[in-house]
């Protein structure tokens, strides 16, 4: 018996919850299906009139809603969705030299969010194009990450882990790749998302071998490959012969902090109107847009965390509103706090 066991059950639907990670199929499917309606807005006076159990349930619903808050349709996200879909369409009939996409930028600029939203949009469109497919028989999207200090076998195991393929201790890389490629091809995978691509170090022997393995996956699986990583052009991803091959086949989109301008104000205003707090006055966050930019350095990830944390805190404490003082009480990531203390230059 091969160290890779039977895979017949891996494409069945799962009852896995929202907590499952995107890099396993059950988690990915939970992400796709977890889009409940937000609770009805209620004033602080109306909330106070609820029975205790009803009030606690309502607060938990709002906490869950604000925790999920944060996918804002920014121009960068729109460009990723547009470019990704275009490449996927152009690659449908390609038998070789399929084109791919790379998202590169600083940490906290929305790369992983854009990657996940691209995959979600692609899978929704795939379901529309294939309405008669049997449930669980298609896996339109695969999502993996490149582990730190990755080896070819570690990368192959990431594909197997996404699919739920058990990798035995005696399994060799050929077994793993053959099983993963076989399932992804049979299940019509047409988009492969690879996050943390900056962990791929082409100047090392292991990194070069991982790059070759990833290229082999792209040749075996008739899919569009999309990479995301931190400042990949500075990490040497395009260096040498292998890097030139990547540069010749991939479009690159950069993600960056937002300047304090109209786009930033529009993003803050979108968060402002999305809040479900009993004493929140619409326009409060919009009036703090400059302060919010100073706090976060224009990083969409830091902004999302700051507002979501303040909203949840407002529900827990019963203040039911976000003030500048409440925002000041939230500690952000180290990069944002350092940038605030040591701004590079005045705006």
Protein backbone atom coordinates (compact mmCIF):
# COMPACT_ATOMS: atom_id res chain seq x y z
CA UNK A 1 0.00 0.00 0.00
CA UNK A 2 1.30 3.45 -0.89
CA UNK A 3 2.16 5.75 2.06
CA UNK A 4 -0.44 8.13 0.66
CA UNK A 5 -3.75 6.58 1.62
CA UNK A 6 -7.01 6.55 -0.35
CA UNK A 7 -8.22 10.07 -1.19
CA UNK A 8 -11.80 9.34 -2.14
CA UNK A 9 -13.32 11.14 0.82
CA UNK A 10 -11.33 14.34 0.66
CA UNK A 11 -13.72 16.13 -1.69
CA UNK A 12 -16.77 15.56 0.51
CA UNK A 13 -18.40 18.49 2.25
CA UNK A 14 -17.31 19.11 5.81
CA UNK A 15 -18.97 20.48 8.93
CA UNK A 16 -15.72 22.25 9.88
CA UNK A 17 -16.28 25.63 11.45
CA UNK A 18 -15.14 29.14 10.63
CA UNK A 19 -12.04 28.68 12.80
CA UNK A 20 -10.44 26.35 10.28
CA UNK A 21 -7.55 27.90 8.37
CA UNK A 22 -7.72 28.79 4.69
CA UNK A 23 -4.87 26.38 3.92
CA UNK A 24 -7.09 23.33 4.48
CA UNK A 25 -10.00 22.56 2.19
CA UNK A 26 -12.54 22.46 5.03
CA UNK A 27 -11.38 25.87 6.20
CA UNK A 28 -11.51 27.30 2.71
CA UNK A 29 -15.06 26.05 2.22
CA UNK A 30 -16.08 27.44 5.61
CA UNK A 31 -14.64 30.82 4.53
CA UNK A 32 -16.70 30.72 1.33
CA UNK A 33 -19.92 29.88 3.11
CA UNK A 34 -19.57 32.11 6.18
CA UNK A 35 -21.39 35.26 5.14
CA UNK A 36 -24.38 35.64 7.50
CA UNK A 37 -26.66 38.64 7.53
CA UNK A 38 -25.59 41.34 10.01
CA UNK A 39 -27.83 41.83 13.05
CA UNK A 40 -30.46 44.54 12.84
CA UNK A 41 -29.30 47.97 14.06
CA UNK A 42 -30.70 48.89 17.47
CA UNK A 43 -30.42 52.03 19.54
CA UNK A 44 -28.90 51.86 23.01
CA UNK A 45 -32.37 52.56 24.46
CA UNK A 46 -33.96 49.68 22.54
CA UNK A 47 -31.12 47.36 23.51
CA UNK A 48 -31.57 48.24 27.19
CA UNK A 49 -35.20 47.12 26.98
CA UNK A 50 -34.25 43.59 25.95
CA UNK A 51 -34.28 40.73 28.41
CA UNK A 52 -30.80 39.86 29.68
CA UNK A 53 -30.46 36.71 27.58
CA UNK A 54 -31.69 38.51 24.47
CA UNK A 55 -29.27 41.38 25.10
CA UNK A 56 -26.32 39.02 25.53
CA UNK A 57 -27.25 37.15 22.34
CA UNK A 58 -27.58 40.41 20.44
CA UNK A 59 -24.20 41.63 21.70
CA UNK A 60 -22.52 38.37 20.70
CA UNK A 61 -24.00 38.68 17.21
CA UNK A 62 -22.64 42.22 16.94
CA UNK A 63 -19.22 41.19 18.25
CA UNK A 64 -19.07 38.44 15.62
CA UNK A 65 -20.12 40.95 12.97
CA UNK A 66 -17.45 43.49 13.92
CA UNK A 67 -14.75 40.82 14.14
CA UNK A 68 -15.45 39.96 10.49
CA UNK A 69 -15.59 43.61 9.47
CA UNK A 70 -12.75 44.76 7.29
CA UNK A 71 -12.99 43.70 3.63
CA UNK A 72 -13.25 47.10 2.01
CA UNK A 73 -13.43 47.47 -1.76
CA UNK A 74 -10.24 49.48 -2.24
CA UNK A 75 -8.86 50.38 -5.68
CA UNK A 76 -6.02 47.91 -5.07
CA UNK A 77 -8.45 45.08 -4.34
CA UNK A 78 -10.50 45.97 -7.40
CA UNK A 79 -7.38 45.82 -9.57
CA UNK A 80 -6.39 42.43 -8.15
CA UNK A 81 -9.86 41.03 -8.83
CA UNK A 82 -9.90 42.43 -12.35
CA UNK A 83 -6.39 41.29 -13.29
CA UNK A 84 -6.79 37.89 -11.64
CA UNK A 85 -10.03 37.17 -13.44
CA UNK A 86 -8.61 38.29 -16.78
CA UNK A 87 -5.60 35.98 -16.42
CA UNK A 88 -7.80 33.07 -15.35
CA UNK A 89 -10.00 33.54 -18.43
CA UNK A 90 -7.03 33.80 -20.78
CA UNK A 91 -5.50 30.66 -19.27
CA UNK A 92 -8.60 28.49 -19.69
CA UNK A 93 -7.51 26.98 -22.99
CA UNK A 94 -3.74 27.38 -22.58
CA UNK A 95 -1.77 24.14 -22.75
CA UNK A 96 1.53 25.70 -21.65
CA UNK A 97 3.14 28.99 -20.60
CA UNK A 98 0.12 30.06 -18.57
CA UNK A 99 0.45 33.55 -17.14
CA UNK A 100 0.31 34.28 -13.43
CA UNK A 101 0.04 37.14 -10.96
CA UNK A 102 2.25 38.28 -8.07
CA UNK A 103 1.10 40.57 -5.25
CA UNK A 104 4.03 42.28 -3.57
CA UNK A 105 4.24 44.92 -0.86
CA UNK A 106 4.81 45.69 2.79
CA UNK A 107 3.22 43.65 5.54
CA UNK A 108 -0.24 44.94 6.43
CA UNK A 109 -1.09 46.34 3.00
CA UNK A 110 -3.84 43.83 2.25
CA UNK A 111 -2.10 41.14 0.17
CA UNK A 112 -3.59 38.11 1.92
CA UNK A 113 -7.04 39.70 2.02
CA UNK A 114 -6.83 40.38 -1.72
CA UNK A 115 -5.60 36.83 -2.36
CA UNK A 116 -8.51 35.33 -0.42
CA UNK A 117 -11.09 37.60 -2.06
CA UNK A 118 -9.74 36.73 -5.51
CA UNK A 119 -10.13 33.05 -4.68
CA UNK A 120 -13.64 33.59 -3.34
CA UNK A 121 -14.72 35.49 -6.44
CA UNK A 122 -13.17 32.84 -8.71
CA UNK A 123 -14.96 29.98 -6.95
CA UNK A 124 -18.32 31.77 -7.08
CA UNK A 125 -17.89 32.30 -10.83
CA UNK A 126 -16.82 28.68 -11.30
CA UNK A 127 -19.99 27.47 -9.59
CA UNK A 128 -22.07 29.67 -11.88
CA UNK A 129 -20.33 28.25 -14.94
CA UNK A 130 -20.83 24.68 -13.72
CA UNK A 131 -24.27 24.61 -12.06
CA UNK A 132 -24.76 20.89 -12.70
CA UNK A 133 -21.54 19.73 -11.03
CA UNK A 134 -22.11 17.24 -8.24
CA UNK A 135 -21.53 18.73 -4.76
CA UNK A 136 -17.99 18.21 -3.56
CA UNK A 137 -16.62 17.02 -6.89
CA UNK A 138 -14.90 20.27 -7.86
CA UNK A 139 -12.09 22.14 -6.10
CA UNK A 140 -11.83 25.34 -8.18
CA UNK A 141 -9.33 26.99 -5.80
CA UNK A 142 -6.34 25.69 -3.83
CA UNK A 143 -4.67 27.86 -1.16
CA UNK A 144 -1.22 27.08 0.23
CA UNK A 145 1.60 28.94 1.96
CA UNK A 146 5.35 28.56 1.49
CA UNK A 147 6.77 27.46 4.86
CA UNK A 148 9.90 29.15 6.29
CA UNK A 149 13.10 27.36 5.24
CA UNK A 150 10.96 25.30 2.88
CA UNK A 151 12.16 22.18 1.09
CA UNK A 152 10.49 20.68 -1.99
CA UNK A 153 8.87 17.98 0.16
CA UNK A 154 7.56 20.57 2.62
CA UNK A 155 5.96 22.52 -0.23
CA UNK A 156 4.43 19.38 -1.70
CA UNK A 157 3.10 18.49 1.74
CA UNK A 158 1.35 21.89 1.90
CA UNK A 159 -0.66 20.95 -1.21
CA UNK A 160 -1.45 17.58 0.34
CA UNK A 161 -2.47 19.24 3.61
CA UNK A 162 -4.89 21.56 1.83
CA UNK A 163 -6.56 18.56 0.21
CA UNK A 164 -6.60 16.50 3.37
CA UNK A 165 -4.28 13.88 1.91
CA UNK A 166 -2.57 11.95 4.71
CA UNK A 167 1.20 11.99 4.25
CA UNK A 168 2.79 8.98 5.89
CA UNK A 169 6.30 9.08 7.36
CA UNK A 170 7.61 6.94 4.50
CA UNK A 171 5.98 8.99 1.73
CA UNK A 172 8.47 10.39 -0.73
CA UNK A 173 8.09 13.61 -2.65
CA UNK A 174 7.11 11.83 -5.86
CA UNK A 175 4.21 10.10 -4.09
CA UNK A 176 3.01 13.37 -2.60
CA UNK A 177 3.22 15.36 -5.83
CA UNK A 178 1.54 12.66 -7.91
CA UNK A 179 -1.35 12.36 -5.46
CA UNK A 180 -1.84 16.11 -5.08
CA UNK A 181 -1.59 16.85 -8.80
CA UNK A 182 -3.92 13.98 -9.59
CA UNK A 183 -6.64 15.23 -7.23
CA UNK A 184 -6.30 18.88 -8.25
CA UNK A 185 -6.49 17.96 -11.93
CA UNK A 186 -9.42 15.57 -11.49
CA UNK A 187 -11.30 18.16 -9.42
CA UNK A 188 -10.77 20.87 -12.05
CA UNK A 189 -8.68 23.24 -9.96
CA UNK A 190 -8.22 26.39 -12.03
CA UNK A 191 -6.74 28.84 -9.52
CA UNK A 192 -3.84 28.14 -7.14
CA UNK A 193 -3.08 30.77 -4.48
CA UNK A 194 0.40 30.69 -2.95
CA UNK A 195 0.96 32.99 0.02
CA UNK A 196 4.22 33.88 1.85
CA UNK A 197 6.20 33.55 -1.38
CA UNK A 198 8.94 35.71 0.17
CA UNK A 199 9.99 32.58 2.07
CA UNK A 200 11.30 31.31 -1.25
CA UNK A 201 15.03 32.13 -1.33
CA UNK A 202 16.32 31.48 -4.85
CA UNK A 203 19.95 32.11 -3.88
CA UNK A 204 19.96 28.98 -1.72
CA UNK A 205 19.96 25.45 -3.09
CA UNK A 206 16.80 24.53 -1.17
CA UNK A 207 15.05 27.69 -2.38
CA UNK A 208 15.96 26.97 -5.98
CA UNK A 209 14.64 23.42 -5.63
CA UNK A 210 11.39 24.69 -4.10
CA UNK A 211 11.03 27.11 -7.02
CA UNK A 212 11.50 24.23 -9.45
CA UNK A 213 8.90 22.19 -7.56
CA UNK A 214 6.41 25.05 -7.69
CA UNK A 215 7.06 25.42 -11.42
CA UNK A 216 6.45 21.69 -11.84
CA UNK A 217 3.10 22.02 -10.06
CA UNK A 218 2.18 24.87 -12.42
CA UNK A 219 3.01 22.70 -15.42
CA UNK A 220 1.06 19.70 -14.15
CA UNK A 221 -2.04 21.56 -12.97
CA UNK A 222 -3.95 23.52 -15.66
CA UNK A 223 -4.52 26.50 -13.39
CA UNK A 224 -3.63 30.15 -12.95
CA UNK A 225 -1.05 30.59 -10.18
CA UNK A 226 -1.16 33.71 -7.99
CA UNK A 227 1.67 34.46 -5.54
CA UNK A 228 1.69 36.93 -2.66
CA UNK A 229 4.62 38.00 -0.50
CA UNK A 230 6.47 40.81 1.21
CA UNK A 231 8.58 42.94 -1.15
CA UNK A 232 9.37 39.93 -3.33
CA UNK A 233 11.38 41.94 -5.86
CA UNK A 234 13.82 42.82 -3.06
CA UNK A 235 13.98 39.21 -1.90
CA UNK A 236 15.59 38.09 -5.14
CA UNK A 237 12.56 36.35 -6.63
CA UNK A 238 13.47 37.64 -10.08
CA UNK A 239 17.22 36.97 -9.87
CA UNK A 240 19.06 34.46 -12.02
CA UNK A 241 17.68 32.13 -14.67
CA UNK A 242 14.80 30.93 -12.49
CA UNK A 243 13.91 34.49 -11.56
CA UNK A 244 13.90 35.52 -15.21
CA UNK A 245 11.46 32.72 -15.97
CA UNK A 246 9.16 33.95 -13.23
CA UNK A 247 9.48 37.57 -14.38
CA UNK A 248 8.64 36.53 -17.94
CA UNK A 249 5.42 34.76 -16.97
CA UNK A 250 3.97 36.77 -14.09
CA UNK A 251 2.30 40.16 -13.86
CA UNK A 252 3.16 41.99 -10.64
CA UNK A 253 0.87 44.30 -8.70
CA UNK A 254 2.22 46.32 -5.81
CA UNK A 255 0.39 46.93 -2.55
CA UNK A 256 1.39 49.92 -0.49
CA UNK A 257 0.22 52.18 2.34
CA UNK A 258 -2.48 54.66 1.42
CA UNK A 259 -1.53 58.34 1.37
CA UNK A 260 -3.73 60.73 3.27
CA UNK A 261 -5.95 61.59 0.34
CA UNK A 262 -9.45 60.99 -1.02
CA UNK A 263 -9.08 57.20 -1.20
CA UNK A 264 -8.12 57.03 2.46
CA UNK A 265 -11.05 59.21 3.49
CA UNK A 266 -13.41 57.02 1.47
CA UNK A 267 -12.11 53.87 3.20
CA UNK A 268 -12.60 55.41 6.66
CA UNK A 269 -16.10 56.55 5.69
CA UNK A 270 -16.96 52.99 4.62
CA UNK A 271 -15.95 51.66 8.03
CA UNK A 272 -17.90 54.50 9.64
CA UNK A 273 -21.20 53.53 8.01
CA UNK A 274 -20.67 49.81 8.73
CA UNK A 275 -20.58 50.10 12.54
CA UNK A 276 -23.49 48.72 14.60
CA UNK A 277 -23.09 50.59 17.87
CA UNK A 278 -26.01 52.01 19.82
CA UNK A 279 -24.50 55.46 20.43
CA UNK A 280 -22.43 55.75 17.27
CA UNK A 281 -23.01 58.92 15.28
CA UNK A 282 -22.31 58.50 11.59
CA UNK A 283 -19.41 60.71 10.59
CA UNK A 284 -17.48 60.23 13.83
CA UNK A 285 -14.71 58.17 12.22
CA UNK A 286 -14.73 60.35 9.12
CA UNK A 287 -13.95 63.28 11.40
CA UNK A 288 -10.93 61.36 12.70
CA UNK A 289 -9.57 60.28 9.31
CA UNK A 290 -6.34 62.27 9.64
CA UNK A 291 -5.73 60.94 13.15
CA UNK A 292 -6.43 57.40 11.92
CA UNK A 293 -3.88 57.85 9.16
CA UNK A 294 -1.28 59.01 11.67
CA UNK A 295 -2.04 56.05 13.94
CA UNK A 296 -1.78 53.44 11.18
CA UNK A 297 0.65 54.92 8.70
CA UNK A 298 -1.94 54.37 5.98
CA UNK A 299 -1.86 50.59 6.44
CA UNK A 300 -5.24 49.03 5.70
CA UNK A 301 -4.49 46.06 7.97
CA UNK A 302 -3.70 48.28 10.94
CA UNK A 303 -6.75 50.44 10.28
CA UNK A 304 -9.04 47.41 10.16
CA UNK A 305 -7.63 46.05 13.42
CA UNK A 306 -7.91 49.41 15.19
CA UNK A 307 -11.54 50.01 14.25
CA UNK A 308 -12.67 46.43 14.84
CA UNK A 309 -10.96 46.32 18.23
CA UNK A 310 -12.47 49.63 19.28
CA UNK A 311 -15.94 48.51 18.16
CA UNK A 312 -15.74 45.23 20.08
CA UNK A 313 -14.44 47.07 23.14
CA UNK A 314 -17.37 49.52 22.90
CA UNK A 315 -19.81 46.60 22.98
CA UNK A 316 -18.06 44.82 25.87
CA UNK A 317 -17.81 47.95 28.03
CA UNK A 318 -21.27 49.20 27.11
CA UNK A 319 -20.09 52.60 25.88
CA UNK A 320 -21.58 51.78 22.46
CA UNK A 321 -19.48 54.36 20.64
CA UNK A 322 -15.95 54.94 19.36
CA UNK A 323 -14.09 58.03 20.50
CA UNK A 324 -10.55 59.21 19.98
CA UNK A 325 -9.79 58.28 23.58
CA UNK A 326 -11.11 54.76 22.95
CA UNK A 327 -8.92 54.47 19.85
CA UNK A 328 -5.91 55.69 21.84
CA UNK A 329 -6.44 52.83 24.30
CA UNK A 330 -5.95 50.22 21.55
CA UNK A 331 -2.34 49.10 21.07
CA UNK A 332 -1.54 48.39 17.43
CA UNK A 333 1.14 46.26 15.82
CA UNK A 334 4.75 47.24 16.51
CA UNK A 335 5.35 48.61 13.01
CA UNK A 336 2.40 51.00 13.23
CA UNK A 337 3.35 52.17 16.72
CA UNK A 338 6.96 52.75 15.68
CA UNK A 339 5.93 54.64 12.56
CA UNK A 340 3.72 56.86 14.67
CA UNK A 341 6.56 57.66 17.09
CA UNK A 342 9.11 58.16 14.34
CA UNK A 343 7.42 59.42 11.19
CA UNK A 344 9.78 59.49 8.23
CA UNK A 345 8.68 62.87 7.04
CA UNK A 346 5.84 65.34 7.57
CA UNK A 347 2.88 65.00 5.28
